[in-house]
N, C-alpha and C. Protein backbone atom coordinates (compact mmCIF):
# COMPACT_ATOMS: atom_id res chain seq x y z
N UNK A 1 90.89 94.47 86.10
CA UNK A 1 92.03 94.80 86.96
C UNK A 1 91.32 95.19 87.95
N UNK A 2 91.46 94.54 89.32
CA UNK A 2 90.68 95.43 90.78
C UNK A 2 91.95 95.60 91.56
N UNK A 3 92.00 96.67 91.69
CA UNK A 3 93.63 97.14 92.72
C UNK A 3 93.42 96.47 94.32
N UNK A 4 94.21 95.84 94.28
CA UNK A 4 94.59 94.83 95.47
C UNK A 4 93.24 94.22 96.14
N UNK A 5 92.65 93.47 94.81
CA UNK A 5 91.11 92.52 95.28
C UNK A 5 92.25 90.84 95.56
N UNK A 6 91.38 90.28 96.41
CA UNK A 6 92.01 89.11 96.66
C UNK A 6 91.55 87.71 95.27
N UNK A 7 92.60 87.31 95.38
CA UNK A 7 92.81 86.18 93.95
C UNK A 7 91.82 84.80 94.23
N UNK A 8 91.18 84.30 92.88
CA UNK A 8 90.38 83.04 93.08
C UNK A 8 90.91 82.31 92.82
N UNK A 9 90.61 80.92 93.66
CA UNK A 9 91.34 79.67 93.16
C UNK A 9 90.66 78.89 92.11
N UNK A 10 91.55 79.03 91.15
CA UNK A 10 90.92 77.98 89.74
C UNK A 10 90.87 76.64 90.40
N UNK A 11 90.75 75.62 89.29
CA UNK A 11 90.31 74.47 89.68
C UNK A 11 91.59 73.94 89.62
N UNK A 12 92.59 74.32 89.11
CA UNK A 12 93.85 73.90 88.74
C UNK A 12 94.84 73.72 90.20
N UNK A 13 94.59 74.45 91.12
CA UNK A 13 95.17 74.34 92.08
C UNK A 13 94.77 73.60 93.44
N UNK A 14 95.45 72.95 93.83
CA UNK A 14 95.23 71.83 94.81
C UNK A 14 95.38 72.55 96.16
N UNK A 15 96.14 73.37 96.27
CA UNK A 15 96.79 74.36 97.90
C UNK A 15 95.71 73.96 98.80
N UNK A 16 96.12 74.18 99.99
CA UNK A 16 94.94 74.43 101.01
C UNK A 16 94.65 75.82 101.47
N UNK A 17 93.63 76.43 101.06
CA UNK A 17 93.80 77.92 101.60
C UNK A 17 92.96 77.99 102.65
N UNK A 18 93.45 78.74 103.90
CA UNK A 18 92.43 78.79 105.29
C UNK A 18 91.50 80.15 104.87
N UNK A 19 90.25 79.98 105.09
CA UNK A 19 89.25 81.00 105.42
C UNK A 19 89.63 82.00 106.52
N UNK A 20 88.84 83.45 106.35
CA UNK A 20 89.07 84.23 107.24
C UNK A 20 87.70 84.11 108.24
N UNK A 21 86.79 83.03 107.85
CA UNK A 21 85.55 83.36 108.61
C UNK A 21 85.98 82.81 110.28
N UNK A 22 85.02 82.78 110.90
CA UNK A 22 85.16 82.79 112.15
C UNK A 22 85.09 80.98 112.57
N UNK A 23 84.78 80.15 111.95
CA UNK A 23 84.67 78.89 111.50
C UNK A 23 85.87 78.57 110.36
N UNK A 24 86.98 78.53 110.69
CA UNK A 24 87.86 77.82 109.49
C UNK A 24 87.58 77.12 108.27
N UNK A 25 87.59 77.08 107.21
CA UNK A 25 87.51 76.08 105.92
C UNK A 25 88.31 76.17 105.25
N UNK A 26 88.73 74.99 104.88
CA UNK A 26 89.96 75.12 103.96
C UNK A 26 89.38 74.46 102.67
N UNK A 27 89.74 75.32 101.70
CA UNK A 27 89.56 74.64 100.32
C UNK A 27 90.12 73.13 100.28
N UNK A 28 89.36 72.39 99.31
CA UNK A 28 89.78 70.94 98.70
C UNK A 28 89.76 71.11 97.38
N UNK A 29 90.41 70.58 96.77
CA UNK A 29 90.17 69.99 95.12
C UNK A 29 89.93 68.94 95.10
N UNK A 30 88.98 67.98 94.24
CA UNK A 30 88.23 67.02 93.59
C UNK A 30 87.98 66.91 92.76
N UNK A 31 88.75 66.15 91.62
CA UNK A 31 87.86 65.73 90.06
C UNK A 31 87.67 67.09 89.68
N UNK A 32 88.87 68.19 89.68
CA UNK A 32 88.76 69.66 89.34
C UNK A 32 87.48 70.57 89.71
N UNK A 33 87.29 69.68 90.65
CA UNK A 33 85.92 70.67 91.24
C UNK A 33 86.36 71.50 93.03
N UNK A 34 86.24 72.37 93.38
CA UNK A 34 86.49 73.10 94.56
C UNK A 34 85.43 72.99 95.76
N UNK A 35 86.11 72.52 96.91
CA UNK A 35 84.95 72.15 97.97
C UNK A 35 85.84 72.82 99.36
N UNK A 36 85.01 72.60 100.44
CA UNK A 36 85.82 73.21 101.64
C UNK A 36 85.58 72.19 102.94
N UNK A 37 86.91 71.66 103.12
CA UNK A 37 86.68 70.90 104.47
C UNK A 37 86.60 71.76 105.66
N UNK A 38 86.47 71.35 107.19
CA UNK A 38 86.70 72.10 108.60
C UNK A 38 88.16 71.62 108.96
N UNK A 39 88.14 72.20 110.29
CA UNK A 39 89.85 71.86 110.74
C UNK A 39 89.87 70.65 111.07
N UNK A 40 89.01 69.68 111.25
CA UNK A 40 89.08 68.33 111.75
C UNK A 40 89.00 67.38 110.23
N UNK A 41 89.19 67.99 108.87
CA UNK A 41 88.98 67.53 107.88
C UNK A 41 87.51 66.88 107.50
N UNK A 42 86.61 67.15 108.23
CA UNK A 42 85.29 66.83 107.28
C UNK A 42 84.86 67.51 106.42
N UNK A 43 84.47 67.22 105.61
CA UNK A 43 83.91 68.10 104.15
C UNK A 43 82.22 68.84 104.83
N UNK A 44 82.76 69.49 104.75
CA UNK A 44 81.15 70.96 105.09
C UNK A 44 80.87 71.42 103.79
N UNK A 45 81.43 71.43 102.85
CA UNK A 45 80.86 72.16 101.51
C UNK A 45 81.44 70.66 100.21
N UNK A 46 80.63 69.91 99.79
CA UNK A 46 81.55 68.88 99.05
C UNK A 46 81.87 69.54 97.97
N UNK A 47 82.88 69.09 96.69
CA UNK A 47 83.58 69.70 95.79
C UNK A 47 82.69 69.72 94.47
N UNK A 48 82.39 71.04 94.34
CA UNK A 48 81.38 71.10 93.07
C UNK A 48 81.54 72.53 92.59
N UNK A 49 82.51 73.19 93.16
CA UNK A 49 82.68 74.13 92.09
C UNK A 49 84.04 74.60 91.27
N UNK A 50 83.79 74.99 90.10
CA UNK A 50 84.81 75.41 88.96
C UNK A 50 86.40 76.26 89.64
N UNK A 51 85.40 77.43 90.74
CA UNK A 51 86.43 78.44 91.38
C UNK A 51 86.00 78.94 91.93
N UNK A 52 86.59 79.40 93.28
CA UNK A 52 86.14 79.59 94.37
C UNK A 52 86.97 80.43 95.25
N UNK A 53 86.89 81.31 95.78
CA UNK A 53 87.32 82.14 96.60
C UNK A 53 87.59 81.83 98.15
N UNK A 54 88.68 82.67 98.93
CA UNK A 54 88.36 82.27 100.13
C UNK A 54 87.25 82.78 101.11
N UNK A 55 87.05 82.49 102.20
CA UNK A 55 85.97 82.83 102.86
C UNK A 55 86.20 84.14 103.64
N UNK A 56 85.54 85.07 103.80
CA UNK A 56 85.64 86.61 104.00
C UNK A 56 84.31 87.01 104.66
N UNK A 57 84.50 87.62 105.67
CA UNK A 57 83.15 88.25 106.29
C UNK A 57 81.79 87.36 105.95
N UNK A 58 82.09 85.85 106.17
CA UNK A 58 81.33 84.91 106.25
C UNK A 58 80.57 84.22 105.12
N UNK A 59 81.51 85.39 103.85
CA UNK A 59 81.01 84.53 102.36
C UNK A 59 82.37 84.56 101.72
N UNK A 60 81.79 83.35 99.97
CA UNK A 60 83.29 83.13 99.66
C UNK A 60 82.29 83.08 98.29
N UNK A 61 83.11 83.97 97.47
CA UNK A 61 82.74 84.25 95.86
C UNK A 61 83.02 82.53 95.66
N UNK A 62 82.07 81.80 94.63
CA UNK A 62 82.22 80.80 93.97
C UNK A 62 81.36 81.10 92.58
N UNK A 63 81.83 80.20 91.63
CA UNK A 63 81.44 80.12 90.00
C UNK A 63 80.56 79.18 90.07
N UNK A 64 79.73 79.30 89.21
CA UNK A 64 78.74 77.60 89.16
C UNK A 64 78.26 78.13 87.57
N UNK A 65 78.49 77.01 86.78
CA UNK A 65 77.80 77.39 85.23
C UNK A 65 78.45 78.56 84.82
N UNK A 66 79.34 79.46 84.80
CA UNK A 66 79.99 80.57 84.08
C UNK A 66 79.71 81.55 84.83
N UNK A 67 79.52 81.87 86.04
CA UNK A 67 79.22 83.06 86.43
C UNK A 67 79.68 82.84 87.70
N UNK A 68 79.61 84.08 88.86
CA UNK A 68 80.21 83.81 90.04
C UNK A 68 79.04 84.81 91.24
N UNK A 69 78.86 83.73 92.22
CA UNK A 69 77.80 84.60 93.28
C UNK A 69 78.78 84.23 94.69
N UNK A 70 78.00 84.34 95.57
CA UNK A 70 78.90 84.10 97.19
C UNK A 70 77.69 82.96 98.15
N UNK A 71 78.67 82.39 98.72
CA UNK A 71 78.04 80.74 99.42
C UNK A 71 78.28 81.41 100.41
N UNK A 72 77.58 80.68 101.49
CA UNK A 72 77.50 80.70 102.96
C UNK A 72 78.58 79.43 103.46
N UNK A 73 78.63 79.40 104.84
CA UNK A 73 79.45 78.03 105.33
C UNK A 73 79.10 77.03 104.84
N UNK A 74 77.48 76.84 104.43
CA UNK A 74 76.96 75.74 104.35
C UNK A 74 77.05 75.36 102.64
N UNK A 75 77.50 76.30 101.93
CA UNK A 75 77.87 76.15 100.58
C UNK A 75 76.75 76.43 99.76
N UNK A 76 75.56 77.05 100.94
CA UNK A 76 73.94 78.08 99.58
C UNK A 76 74.88 78.96 99.34
N UNK A 77 73.98 79.19 98.32
CA UNK A 77 74.34 80.66 97.29
C UNK A 77 73.69 81.57 98.24
N UNK A 78 74.26 82.64 98.83
CA UNK A 78 73.31 83.84 99.57
C UNK A 78 73.11 84.82 98.57
N UNK A 79 74.24 85.19 97.48
CA UNK A 79 74.05 85.82 96.75
C UNK A 79 74.02 84.83 95.42
N UNK A 80 72.97 85.01 94.15
CA UNK A 80 73.09 83.73 93.34
C UNK A 80 74.56 84.05 92.14
N UNK A 81 74.54 83.22 91.58
CA UNK A 81 75.39 83.25 90.42
C UNK A 81 75.21 84.55 89.33
N UNK A 82 75.83 85.37 89.07
CA UNK A 82 75.13 86.31 88.24
C UNK A 82 76.59 87.62 87.97
N UNK A 83 77.70 87.32 88.27
CA UNK A 83 79.00 87.99 87.91
C UNK A 83 79.69 87.43 86.89
N UNK A 84 80.81 88.60 86.37
CA UNK A 84 81.45 87.75 85.41
C UNK A 84 82.86 87.57 86.32
N UNK A 85 82.66 87.66 87.58
CA UNK A 85 84.05 87.89 88.38
C UNK A 85 83.72 88.46 89.63
N UNK A 86 84.13 87.94 90.94
CA UNK A 86 83.75 88.60 92.09
C UNK A 86 85.19 88.10 93.03
N UNK A 87 84.96 89.06 94.27
CA UNK A 87 86.21 89.20 94.64
C UNK A 87 85.30 89.06 96.33
N UNK A 88 86.50 88.93 97.60
CA UNK A 88 86.43 88.77 98.50
C UNK A 88 86.02 90.00 99.11
N UNK A 89 84.80 89.82 100.16
CA UNK A 89 84.29 91.26 100.89
C UNK A 89 85.50 91.24 101.72
N UNK A 90 85.67 92.81 101.98
CA UNK A 90 86.66 93.27 102.71
C UNK A 90 85.66 94.94 103.29
N UNK A 91 85.74 95.08 104.19
CA UNK A 91 84.56 96.39 105.10
C UNK A 91 83.47 96.55 104.77
N UNK A 92 82.85 95.10 104.50
CA UNK A 92 81.61 95.14 104.42
C UNK A 92 81.29 95.28 102.77
N UNK A 93 81.98 95.69 102.25
CA UNK A 93 81.58 95.62 100.74
C UNK A 93 82.49 94.62 100.00
N UNK A 94 82.21 94.18 98.62
CA UNK A 94 82.80 93.62 97.80
C UNK A 94 82.76 93.89 96.56
N UNK A 95 84.02 93.58 95.53
CA UNK A 95 83.90 94.52 94.09
C UNK A 95 83.37 93.14 93.07
N UNK A 96 82.52 93.63 92.40
CA UNK A 96 82.32 92.72 91.48
C UNK A 96 82.19 92.96 90.13
N UNK A 97 82.37 92.09 88.75
CA UNK A 97 82.67 92.65 87.49
C UNK A 97 81.57 92.13 86.97
N UNK A 98 81.15 92.79 85.81
CA UNK A 98 80.01 93.02 84.68
C UNK A 98 80.19 93.49 83.31
N UNK A 99 80.02 92.67 82.61
CA UNK A 99 81.11 93.24 81.20
C UNK A 99 82.35 94.12 81.06
N UNK A 100 83.33 93.74 82.29
CA UNK A 100 84.27 94.06 82.12
C UNK A 100 84.26 95.44 83.40
N UNK A 101 83.48 96.10 83.85
CA UNK A 101 83.20 97.02 84.60
C UNK A 101 82.63 96.79 86.03
N UNK A 102 83.57 97.48 87.03
CA UNK A 102 83.32 96.91 88.54
C UNK A 102 82.34 97.72 89.20
N UNK A 103 81.81 97.16 90.59
CA UNK A 103 80.96 98.26 91.44
C UNK A 103 81.24 97.08 92.25
N UNK A 104 80.70 97.74 93.38
CA UNK A 104 80.49 97.25 95.22
C UNK A 104 78.86 97.05 95.33
N UNK A 105 79.31 95.90 96.19
CA UNK A 105 77.87 95.02 96.23
C UNK A 105 77.99 95.31 98.21
N UNK A 106 76.85 94.75 98.47
CA UNK A 106 76.69 94.66 100.14
C UNK A 106 76.60 93.00 100.21
N UNK A 107 76.35 92.78 101.05
CA UNK A 107 76.59 90.97 101.90
C UNK A 107 75.14 90.75 101.37
N UNK A 108 73.85 91.77 101.11
CA UNK A 108 72.74 91.06 100.74
C UNK A 108 72.50 90.83 99.02
N UNK A 109 73.71 91.39 98.44
CA UNK A 109 73.68 91.60 96.98
C UNK A 109 73.35 93.00 96.14
N UNK A 110 72.85 94.04 97.25
CA UNK A 110 72.84 95.02 96.57
C UNK A 110 74.14 95.94 96.35
N UNK A 111 73.69 96.44 95.19
CA UNK A 111 74.82 97.51 94.71
C UNK A 111 74.90 98.83 95.87
N UNK A 112 76.11 99.01 96.10
CA UNK A 112 76.36 100.12 97.12
C UNK A 112 76.50 101.67 96.87
N UNK A 113 76.94 102.04 95.68
CA UNK A 113 76.74 103.03 95.01
C UNK A 113 77.01 102.73 93.35
N UNK A 114 76.80 104.16 92.64
CA UNK A 114 77.15 104.00 91.35
C UNK A 114 78.53 104.14 91.46
N UNK A 115 79.34 103.43 90.85
CA UNK A 115 80.98 102.99 90.46
C UNK A 115 81.46 103.56 88.69
N UNK A 116 81.86 104.37 88.73
CA UNK A 116 82.50 104.93 87.79
C UNK A 116 83.47 104.97 86.84
N UNK A 117 84.52 104.40 87.82
CA UNK A 117 85.87 103.96 87.83
C UNK A 117 85.96 102.64 87.22
N UNK A 118 86.80 102.47 85.97
CA UNK A 118 87.43 101.06 85.35
C UNK A 118 88.16 100.38 86.20
N UNK A 119 88.75 100.82 87.50
CA UNK A 119 89.55 99.96 87.88
C UNK A 119 89.77 100.14 89.66
N UNK A 120 89.43 99.27 90.60
CA UNK A 120 88.95 99.95 92.13
C UNK A 120 89.59 98.81 92.83
N UNK A 121 89.72 99.32 94.15
CA UNK A 121 90.27 98.12 95.14
C UNK A 121 89.60 98.29 96.11
N UNK A 122 90.21 97.09 96.95
CA UNK A 122 89.04 96.62 98.10
C UNK A 122 89.16 97.51 99.09
N UNK A 123 88.24 97.53 100.31
CA UNK A 123 88.16 98.85 101.31
C UNK A 123 88.87 98.00 102.35
N UNK A 124 89.66 99.23 102.92
CA UNK A 124 90.05 98.74 104.22
C UNK A 124 90.72 100.18 104.59
N UNK A 125 89.64 100.02 106.06
CA UNK A 125 89.19 101.37 106.72
C UNK A 125 88.90 102.02 106.62
N UNK A 126 87.91 101.52 105.65
CA UNK A 126 87.08 103.05 105.43
C UNK A 126 87.02 103.46 104.09
N UNK A 127 88.20 103.17 103.46
CA UNK A 127 88.80 103.76 102.12
C UNK A 127 89.09 102.68 101.13
N UNK A 128 89.34 103.14 99.76
CA UNK A 128 89.53 102.15 98.36
C UNK A 128 90.39 103.02 97.40
N UNK A 129 90.83 102.40 96.88
CA UNK A 129 91.78 103.24 95.89
C UNK A 129 90.95 102.74 95.09
N UNK A 130 90.79 103.87 93.84
CA UNK A 130 90.07 103.88 92.65
C UNK A 130 91.60 104.14 91.54
N UNK A 131 91.20 104.25 90.28
CA UNK A 131 91.99 104.85 89.41
C UNK A 131 91.13 104.96 88.14
N UNK A 132 91.47 106.17 87.46
CA UNK A 132 90.36 106.45 86.19
C UNK A 132 90.85 105.81 84.84
N UNK A 133 90.19 106.40 83.88
CA UNK A 133 90.78 105.48 82.50
C UNK A 133 91.93 106.47 82.26
N UNK A 134 92.65 107.61 82.61
CA UNK A 134 93.90 108.08 82.19
C UNK A 134 94.89 107.51 83.33
N UNK A 135 94.44 106.57 84.29
CA UNK A 135 95.76 105.97 84.99
C UNK A 135 95.89 107.23 86.33
N UNK A 136 94.96 107.98 86.77
CA UNK A 136 94.99 108.78 87.83
C UNK A 136 94.44 108.30 89.41
N UNK A 137 95.15 108.25 90.01
CA UNK A 137 94.69 107.55 91.42
C UNK A 137 94.29 108.57 92.36
N UNK A 138 92.89 108.08 93.50
CA UNK A 138 92.76 108.60 94.02
C UNK A 138 91.93 107.55 95.37
N UNK A 139 91.09 108.04 96.11
CA UNK A 139 90.16 107.24 96.93
C UNK A 139 89.14 107.78 97.63
N UNK A 140 88.10 106.27 97.43
CA UNK A 140 87.00 106.96 98.07
C UNK A 140 86.55 106.22 99.32
N UNK A 141 85.55 106.54 99.80
CA UNK A 141 84.89 106.25 101.11
C UNK A 141 84.08 105.35 100.43
N UNK A 142 83.28 104.75 101.73
CA UNK A 142 82.43 103.55 101.73
C UNK A 142 80.99 103.85 101.04
N UNK A 143 80.40 105.37 100.52
CA UNK A 143 79.46 105.41 100.02
C UNK A 143 79.92 105.90 98.55
N UNK A 144 80.73 105.61 98.35
CA UNK A 144 81.73 106.08 96.79
C UNK A 144 81.54 107.42 96.56
N UNK A 145 82.05 108.59 97.48
CA UNK A 145 82.62 109.97 97.73
C UNK A 145 84.02 109.98 97.42
N UNK A 146 84.45 110.41 96.51
CA UNK A 146 85.73 111.04 96.51
C UNK A 146 86.14 111.99 97.12
N UNK A 147 87.09 111.29 98.38
CA UNK A 147 87.54 112.32 99.28
C UNK A 147 89.05 112.36 99.20
N UNK A 148 89.60 111.69 98.48
CA UNK A 148 90.92 112.25 97.97
C UNK A 148 91.01 111.85 96.39
N UNK A 149 91.04 113.07 95.86
CA UNK A 149 91.01 113.52 94.46
C UNK A 149 91.92 112.72 93.47
N UNK A 150 91.51 112.47 91.94
CA UNK A 150 92.27 111.42 91.22
C UNK A 150 92.92 112.61 90.73
N UNK A 151 94.45 112.68 91.31
CA UNK A 151 95.34 113.75 90.88
C UNK A 151 96.86 113.20 91.02
N UNK A 152 97.16 111.86 91.10
CA UNK A 152 98.45 111.04 91.44
C UNK A 152 98.38 109.94 90.76
N UNK A 153 99.72 109.82 90.23
CA UNK A 153 100.39 108.91 89.27
C UNK A 153 100.53 107.27 90.60
N UNK A 154 100.57 107.89 91.61
CA UNK A 154 100.79 106.33 93.00
C UNK A 154 100.04 107.15 93.95
N UNK A 155 99.76 106.22 94.52
CA UNK A 155 99.26 106.36 96.18
C UNK A 155 99.94 105.02 96.78
N UNK A 156 101.04 104.88 97.96
CA UNK A 156 101.39 104.28 97.97
C UNK A 156 100.26 103.67 99.51
N UNK A 157 100.49 102.52 99.84
CA UNK A 157 99.63 101.89 101.30
C UNK A 157 99.59 102.97 102.25
N UNK A 158 98.88 103.28 103.23
CA UNK A 158 98.50 104.20 104.39
C UNK A 158 99.81 103.43 105.38
N UNK A 159 100.36 104.12 105.95
CA UNK A 159 100.84 103.78 107.32
C UNK A 159 100.91 104.24 108.30
N UNK A 160 100.39 103.97 109.67
CA UNK A 160 100.21 104.89 110.56
C UNK A 160 99.42 106.01 110.11
N UNK A 161 98.56 106.04 108.76
CA UNK A 161 97.51 107.59 108.61
C UNK A 161 98.43 108.39 107.64
N UNK A 162 99.43 107.67 106.79
CA UNK A 162 100.47 108.56 106.22
C UNK A 162 100.60 107.63 104.80
N UNK A 163 100.65 108.08 103.34
CA UNK A 163 101.11 107.69 102.39
C UNK A 163 101.79 108.62 101.54
N UNK A 164 102.83 107.87 100.89
CA UNK A 164 103.77 108.37 99.78
C UNK A 164 102.88 108.46 98.36
N UNK A 165 102.69 109.65 97.85
CA UNK A 165 101.80 110.17 96.71
C UNK A 165 103.22 110.74 95.65
N UNK A 166 102.70 110.32 94.48
CA UNK A 166 103.53 110.82 93.29
C UNK A 166 102.39 111.60 92.82
N UNK A 167 102.89 113.30 92.19
CA UNK A 167 102.30 113.79 91.21
C UNK A 167 101.57 112.76 89.94
N UNK A 168 100.78 113.59 88.94
CA UNK A 168 100.49 112.90 87.87
C UNK A 168 100.83 113.65 86.54
N UNK A 169 101.85 115.03 87.24
CA UNK A 169 102.43 115.92 86.22
C UNK A 169 103.78 115.05 85.71
N UNK A 170 104.21 115.96 84.73
CA UNK A 170 105.12 115.26 83.76
C UNK A 170 106.53 115.24 84.86
N UNK A 171 106.47 116.17 85.84
CA UNK A 171 107.60 116.00 86.97
C UNK A 171 107.97 114.75 87.81
N UNK A 172 106.63 114.08 87.99
CA UNK A 172 106.50 112.95 88.74
C UNK A 172 107.23 113.12 90.49
N UNK A 173 106.39 114.73 90.93
CA UNK A 173 107.00 114.81 92.03
C UNK A 173 106.67 114.08 93.24
N UNK A 174 107.17 114.05 94.67
CA UNK A 174 106.47 113.05 95.33
C UNK A 174 106.14 113.98 96.77
N UNK A 175 105.53 113.29 97.39
CA UNK A 175 105.02 114.18 98.84
C UNK A 175 104.42 113.37 99.93
N UNK A 176 103.97 113.80 100.87
CA UNK A 176 103.00 112.69 102.11
C UNK A 176 101.90 113.22 102.22
N UNK A 177 100.83 112.28 102.22
CA UNK A 177 99.41 113.01 102.28
C UNK A 177 99.01 112.32 103.76
N UNK A 178 97.94 113.02 104.53
CA UNK A 178 97.29 111.98 105.40
C UNK A 178 96.38 111.53 104.93
N UNK A 179 95.41 110.76 105.64
CA UNK A 179 94.15 110.38 105.09
C UNK A 179 92.94 110.58 105.02
N UNK A 180 92.74 112.57 105.27
CA UNK A 180 91.84 113.00 104.50
C UNK A 180 92.56 113.48 103.28
N UNK A 181 93.86 113.04 102.73
CA UNK A 181 94.17 113.93 101.69
C UNK A 181 95.07 115.27 101.62
N UNK A 182 95.48 115.76 103.22
CA UNK A 182 96.29 117.02 103.41
C UNK A 182 97.55 116.79 103.29
N UNK A 183 98.32 117.65 102.68
CA UNK A 183 100.01 117.21 102.11
C UNK A 183 100.62 117.54 103.68
N UNK A 184 101.39 116.51 104.05
CA UNK A 184 101.88 116.67 105.12
C UNK A 184 103.51 117.38 104.54
N UNK A 185 103.81 115.99 103.87
CA UNK A 185 105.17 117.20 103.32
C UNK A 185 105.11 117.34 101.63
N UNK A 186 104.99 118.45 101.16
CA UNK A 186 105.05 118.87 99.73
C UNK A 186 105.87 118.49 98.87
N UNK A 187 105.38 118.81 97.85
CA UNK A 187 106.09 118.18 96.38
C UNK A 187 107.44 119.13 96.31
N UNK A 188 108.21 118.37 96.16
CA UNK A 188 109.54 119.27 95.24
C UNK A 188 110.47 119.51 96.39
N UNK A 189 110.17 119.06 97.78
CA UNK A 189 111.30 119.24 98.65
C UNK A 189 111.93 118.20 98.71
N UNK A 190 111.78 117.21 98.43
CA UNK A 190 112.78 115.70 98.02
C UNK A 190 112.54 115.24 96.96
N UNK A 191 113.34 114.17 96.57
CA UNK A 191 113.32 113.94 94.99
C UNK A 191 113.05 112.09 95.17
N UNK A 192 112.82 111.62 96.57
CA UNK A 192 112.17 110.21 96.91
C UNK A 192 112.19 110.42 98.50
N UNK A 193 110.79 110.05 98.62
CA UNK A 193 110.19 109.14 99.92
C UNK A 193 110.44 107.72 99.92
N UNK A 194 110.98 107.44 100.96
CA UNK A 194 110.35 105.97 101.43
C UNK A 194 109.37 105.82 102.36
N UNK A 195 108.66 104.62 102.19
CA UNK A 195 107.52 104.33 102.95
C UNK A 195 107.93 104.72 104.91
N UNK A 196 106.73 104.91 105.04
CA UNK A 196 107.06 105.34 106.37
C UNK A 196 107.58 103.87 107.53
N UNK A 197 108.35 103.92 108.27
CA UNK A 197 108.88 102.81 108.68
C UNK A 197 109.34 103.15 110.34
N UNK A 198 109.32 102.53 111.33
CA UNK A 198 109.15 102.77 112.73
C UNK A 198 109.12 104.02 113.19
N UNK A 199 108.46 104.38 112.58
CA UNK A 199 107.93 106.09 112.85
C UNK A 199 108.76 107.13 112.02
N UNK A 200 109.11 106.70 110.95
CA UNK A 200 109.84 107.71 110.25
C UNK A 200 109.98 107.63 109.03
N UNK A 201 110.03 108.45 107.91
CA UNK A 201 110.02 108.11 106.78
C UNK A 201 111.74 108.70 106.65
N UNK A 202 112.28 108.23 105.28
CA UNK A 202 113.46 108.30 104.86
C UNK A 202 113.61 108.92 103.65
N UNK A 203 114.19 110.03 103.45
CA UNK A 203 114.48 111.07 101.87
C UNK A 203 115.41 110.92 101.03
N UNK A 204 115.28 111.28 100.36
CA UNK A 204 116.60 111.50 99.41
C UNK A 204 116.58 112.88 98.40
N UNK A 205 117.60 113.55 98.75
CA UNK A 205 118.05 115.00 98.27
C UNK A 205 118.30 114.78 96.72
N UNK A 206 118.16 114.91 95.58
CA UNK A 206 119.28 114.75 94.55
C UNK A 206 119.71 115.69 93.77
N UNK A 207 121.38 116.01 93.36
CA UNK A 207 121.60 116.64 92.42
C UNK A 207 120.65 117.07 90.84
N UNK A 208 120.34 117.93 90.55
CA UNK A 208 119.43 118.16 89.58
C UNK A 208 120.44 118.01 88.64
N UNK A 209 121.47 117.96 88.61
CA UNK A 209 122.42 118.63 87.19
C UNK A 209 122.77 116.79 86.78
N UNK A 210 122.76 116.08 87.82
CA UNK A 210 123.52 114.75 87.66
C UNK A 210 122.49 113.63 88.48
N UNK A 211 121.72 113.85 88.96
CA UNK A 211 120.82 112.77 89.38
C UNK A 211 121.37 112.17 91.04
N UNK A 212 122.49 112.44 91.04
CA UNK A 212 123.19 111.45 91.95
C UNK A 212 122.58 112.47 93.39
N UNK A 213 122.43 111.40 94.26
CA UNK A 213 122.06 111.52 95.71
C UNK A 213 123.08 112.49 96.36
N UNK A 214 122.75 113.69 96.71
CA UNK A 214 123.30 114.60 97.32
C UNK A 214 123.05 114.36 99.22
N UNK A 215 122.31 113.90 99.58
CA UNK A 215 121.68 113.65 101.40
C UNK A 215 120.57 112.93 101.38
N UNK A 216 120.77 111.83 102.04
CA UNK A 216 119.66 111.27 102.73
C UNK A 216 119.09 111.75 104.09
N UNK A 217 118.22 111.74 104.47
CA UNK A 217 117.72 112.71 105.55
C UNK A 217 116.48 111.71 106.07
N UNK A 218 116.21 111.77 107.20
CA UNK A 218 115.27 111.02 108.33
C UNK A 218 113.98 112.02 108.60
N UNK A 219 112.67 111.94 108.47
CA UNK A 219 111.69 112.74 108.84
C UNK A 219 110.98 112.32 109.72
N UNK A 220 110.45 112.69 111.28
CA UNK A 220 109.38 112.22 111.64
C UNK A 220 108.37 112.64 111.42
């Protein structure tokens, strides 16, 4: 499991998928092999891969002879095939898998840091979601340091520097944290908090006896 990581395109897919590289490349499929063309339709990388991802930050994951590596825009393997699975680069790092366990690598193929979490997400704005074996969520920085502890049953996406979280306890209480993990809205104040939209949260207060909504409030 990779939390929020990009999907690979298998050889059964014939859709044209744009690259995020500065020279746009698009996937093509021919005889069950994947290659890439440019915006003029010129074949840049002849179809040769059983599976491949989109180009991101100049590289794309590609599978050859059963394992994944990373190619550049010429189709040359910059990181040789060696992984069971590989995801797009994001924030300068990519999630790769060996023997079912994820780790992060740099564009030169070197491991970024030791990763002990069984499920991880792609980096965005210098942070990535991680999950423990007991299914508790936290967040790490690009050095692998845990800066939001794994004490949550849910961490929703950050919007304008704020994220709705739920406690990992039986009560599954809801609150809001900032990007440093500091509590902005404490547990127990509201029964439900909706994601930050148009500069506001909307929150609900429920009747503890029957679960009905007593009031819906707006929080800036």
